[in-house]
Protein backbone atom coordinates (compact mmCIF):
# COMPACT_ATOMS: atom_id res chain seq x y z
CA UNK A 1 246.47 -65.30 -100.93
CA UNK A 2 246.44 -61.53 -101.20
CA UNK A 3 243.70 -59.50 -99.59
CA UNK A 4 241.00 -57.87 -101.70
CA UNK A 5 240.85 -54.09 -101.43
CA UNK A 6 237.34 -52.68 -101.42
CA UNK A 7 236.69 -49.02 -102.16
CA UNK A 8 235.12 -46.81 -99.51
CA UNK A 9 231.49 -45.97 -100.26
CA UNK A 10 229.25 -43.21 -98.92
CA UNK A 11 225.60 -42.64 -98.18
CA UNK A 12 223.91 -39.56 -96.81
CA UNK A 13 224.81 -40.42 -93.21
CA UNK A 14 227.44 -43.15 -93.46
CA UNK A 15 230.91 -43.95 -94.69
CA UNK A 16 231.19 -47.61 -95.64
CA UNK A 17 234.73 -48.94 -95.39
CA UNK A 18 236.60 -52.20 -94.96
CA UNK A 19 237.07 -53.42 -91.39
CA UNK A 20 240.48 -53.93 -89.76
CA UNK A 21 241.74 -55.48 -86.52
CA UNK A 22 242.04 -51.91 -85.24
CA UNK A 23 238.22 -51.88 -85.19
CA UNK A 24 237.98 -54.80 -82.79
CA UNK A 25 236.76 -52.86 -79.74
CA UNK A 26 233.93 -51.29 -81.75
CA UNK A 27 233.08 -54.62 -83.42
CA UNK A 28 232.93 -56.29 -80.01
CA UNK A 29 230.17 -53.84 -79.04
CA UNK A 30 227.79 -55.83 -81.24
CA UNK A 31 229.41 -59.28 -81.49
CA UNK A 32 229.57 -59.45 -77.69
CA UNK A 33 226.09 -58.05 -77.06
CA UNK A 34 223.45 -60.76 -76.40
CA UNK A 35 220.68 -58.45 -77.67
CA UNK A 36 222.39 -58.19 -81.07
CA UNK A 37 223.57 -61.80 -81.10
CA UNK A 38 220.20 -63.34 -80.23
CA UNK A 39 219.39 -64.41 -83.81
CA UNK A 40 222.88 -64.31 -85.34
CA UNK A 41 224.50 -67.41 -86.80
CA UNK A 42 227.76 -66.81 -84.94
CA UNK A 43 228.13 -67.60 -81.23
CA UNK A 44 228.22 -64.73 -78.74
CA UNK A 45 231.77 -63.39 -78.51
CA UNK A 46 232.95 -63.49 -74.91
CA UNK A 47 236.23 -61.58 -75.30
CA UNK A 48 237.39 -58.88 -77.67
CA UNK A 49 240.24 -61.04 -79.02
CA UNK A 50 237.69 -63.29 -80.74
CA UNK A 51 237.05 -60.46 -83.19
CA UNK A 52 240.60 -60.85 -84.58
CA UNK A 53 239.87 -64.34 -85.95
CA UNK A 54 236.80 -63.13 -87.83
CA UNK A 55 238.39 -59.95 -89.20
CA UNK A 56 241.44 -61.91 -90.38
CA UNK A 57 239.19 -63.97 -92.69
CA UNK A 58 237.71 -60.93 -94.41
CA UNK A 59 238.76 -59.70 -97.86
CA UNK A 60 240.04 -63.01 -99.20
CA UNK A 61 237.26 -63.42 -101.78
CA UNK A 62 236.45 -60.76 -104.36
CA UNK A 63 232.74 -61.55 -104.09
CA UNK A 64 232.42 -61.11 -100.32
CA UNK A 65 231.71 -57.45 -99.85
CA UNK A 66 232.05 -56.77 -96.10
CA UNK A 67 231.85 -53.16 -94.98
CA UNK A 68 231.97 -51.33 -91.68
CA UNK A 69 229.24 -48.71 -91.17
CA UNK A 70 230.74 -45.45 -89.86
CA UNK A 71 228.62 -42.48 -88.84
CA UNK A 72 229.73 -39.39 -90.76
CA UNK A 73 228.62 -37.17 -87.87
CA UNK A 74 230.86 -38.80 -85.25
CA UNK A 75 233.29 -41.14 -87.01
CA UNK A 76 231.99 -44.02 -84.88
CA UNK A 77 231.89 -47.56 -86.30
CA UNK A 78 228.34 -48.74 -85.52
CA UNK A 79 227.90 -51.93 -87.51
CA UNK A 80 228.87 -53.98 -90.50
CA UNK A 81 227.37 -55.90 -93.34
CA UNK A 82 227.45 -56.68 -96.97
CA UNK A 83 226.81 -59.13 -99.76
CA UNK A 84 228.24 -62.59 -100.30
CA UNK A 85 228.04 -64.35 -103.66
CA UNK A 86 226.84 -67.96 -103.98
CA UNK A 87 228.06 -69.08 -107.40
CA UNK A 88 226.17 -72.39 -107.34
CA UNK A 89 222.80 -70.59 -107.29
CA UNK A 90 223.82 -67.19 -108.74
CA UNK A 91 222.48 -65.30 -105.74
CA UNK A 92 224.05 -62.73 -103.42
CA UNK A 93 223.14 -63.15 -99.76
CA UNK A 94 222.61 -60.15 -97.53
CA UNK A 95 224.05 -60.00 -94.01
CA UNK A 96 224.40 -57.28 -91.39
CA UNK A 97 224.88 -56.44 -87.72
CA UNK A 98 224.33 -53.15 -85.97
CA UNK A 99 225.20 -52.05 -82.44
CA UNK A 100 222.04 -52.07 -80.34
CA UNK A 101 222.04 -48.32 -79.62
CA UNK A 102 221.69 -47.64 -83.37
CA UNK A 103 218.72 -49.90 -84.14
CA UNK A 104 215.56 -48.32 -85.61
CA UNK A 105 217.30 -45.38 -87.32
CA UNK A 106 217.37 -46.77 -90.87
CA UNK A 107 221.16 -47.15 -91.02
CA UNK A 108 221.18 -50.78 -92.14
CA UNK A 109 218.96 -50.47 -95.22
CA UNK A 110 220.79 -47.23 -96.12
CA UNK A 111 224.14 -49.04 -96.01
CA UNK A 112 223.04 -52.22 -97.74
CA UNK A 113 221.29 -50.32 -100.55
CA UNK A 114 224.59 -48.57 -101.30
CA UNK A 115 226.52 -51.85 -101.22
CA UNK A 116 223.98 -53.36 -103.62
CA UNK A 117 224.48 -50.37 -105.96
CA UNK A 118 228.24 -50.94 -105.86
CA UNK A 119 227.84 -54.68 -106.51
CA UNK A 120 225.51 -54.02 -109.42
CA UNK A 121 228.04 -51.65 -110.98
CA UNK A 122 230.87 -54.19 -110.63
CA UNK A 123 229.07 -57.54 -111.10
CA UNK A 124 225.86 -58.66 -112.72
CA UNK A 125 223.68 -59.07 -109.64
CA UNK A 126 220.73 -61.20 -110.67
CA UNK A 127 219.20 -61.72 -107.24
CA UNK A 128 219.71 -61.09 -103.53
CA UNK A 129 218.44 -63.21 -100.64
CA UNK A 130 218.47 -63.08 -96.87
CA UNK A 131 217.31 -65.32 -94.06
CA UNK A 132 216.05 -64.19 -90.68
CA UNK A 133 214.68 -66.00 -87.64
CA UNK A 134 210.96 -65.84 -87.04
CA UNK A 135 210.65 -63.24 -84.31
CA UNK A 136 213.44 -61.06 -85.69
CA UNK A 137 211.12 -58.33 -86.92
CA UNK A 138 213.96 -55.83 -87.36
CA UNK A 139 215.65 -57.98 -89.99
CA UNK A 140 212.34 -58.59 -91.73
CA UNK A 141 211.78 -54.83 -91.97
CA UNK A 142 215.31 -54.24 -93.30
CA UNK A 143 214.76 -56.81 -96.04
CA UNK A 144 211.41 -55.30 -96.96
CA UNK A 145 213.04 -51.85 -97.19
CA UNK A 146 215.53 -53.43 -99.60
CA UNK A 147 212.61 -54.46 -101.83
CA UNK A 148 212.80 -58.11 -100.80
CA UNK A 149 209.77 -60.33 -100.24
CA UNK A 150 208.98 -63.78 -98.89
CA UNK A 151 210.55 -66.68 -100.77
CA UNK A 152 210.40 -69.72 -98.44
CA UNK A 153 210.17 -71.02 -94.91
CA UNK A 154 213.42 -72.52 -93.68
CA UNK A 155 215.61 -72.84 -90.60
CA UNK A 156 219.22 -72.32 -89.61
CA UNK A 157 221.52 -73.35 -86.79
CA UNK A 158 224.14 -71.26 -85.01
CA UNK A 159 227.67 -72.18 -86.10
CA UNK A 160 228.41 -73.71 -82.69
CA UNK A 161 225.24 -75.84 -82.87
CA UNK A 162 223.79 -74.22 -79.74
CA UNK A 163 220.45 -73.19 -81.22
CA UNK A 164 218.30 -73.75 -84.30
CA UNK A 165 215.78 -71.17 -85.49
CA UNK A 166 212.68 -71.48 -87.62
CA UNK A 167 213.26 -68.84 -90.26
CA UNK A 168 212.09 -67.16 -93.43
CA UNK A 169 214.10 -66.40 -96.53
CA UNK A 170 213.27 -63.27 -98.46
CA UNK A 171 214.62 -62.47 -101.91
CA UNK A 172 214.60 -59.93 -104.70
CA UNK A 173 215.23 -60.55 -108.38
CA UNK A 174 216.58 -57.67 -110.46
């Protein structure tokens, strides 16, 4: 299968671009940080090589829009995120991670808003949804800044089965 090529996007403070294995050290800054990983679905990465497996699965599906978040001011990769289409329910899910030192600066909603704009120009986006663990107030605030609101109570389990979280799903219909 050939890889999908996503265009670079820009916001006021960020360049949004596809991730590569060359980004693995920067990616490990958040995938290997227990503060960032606390509520994430993936297990805590223990060595930088684990990033390669994840990055190698990116860009195989046209409707998985994964972007790295690069600060224009420094060129530093500080996070990633995007939208992932669920054909069975005609909803795009929102996902994101940001290195701990860059929390609370508004970078995530800035990036995701731009990715949503791109998706709306390329596909008919009917709705977006996102799930966050109760207690993860940062993710709740990001979703609210994206115009999302409470949809349902739910739960999710880390991919390795190590922990299950009571959670909330927020959504937005366009």
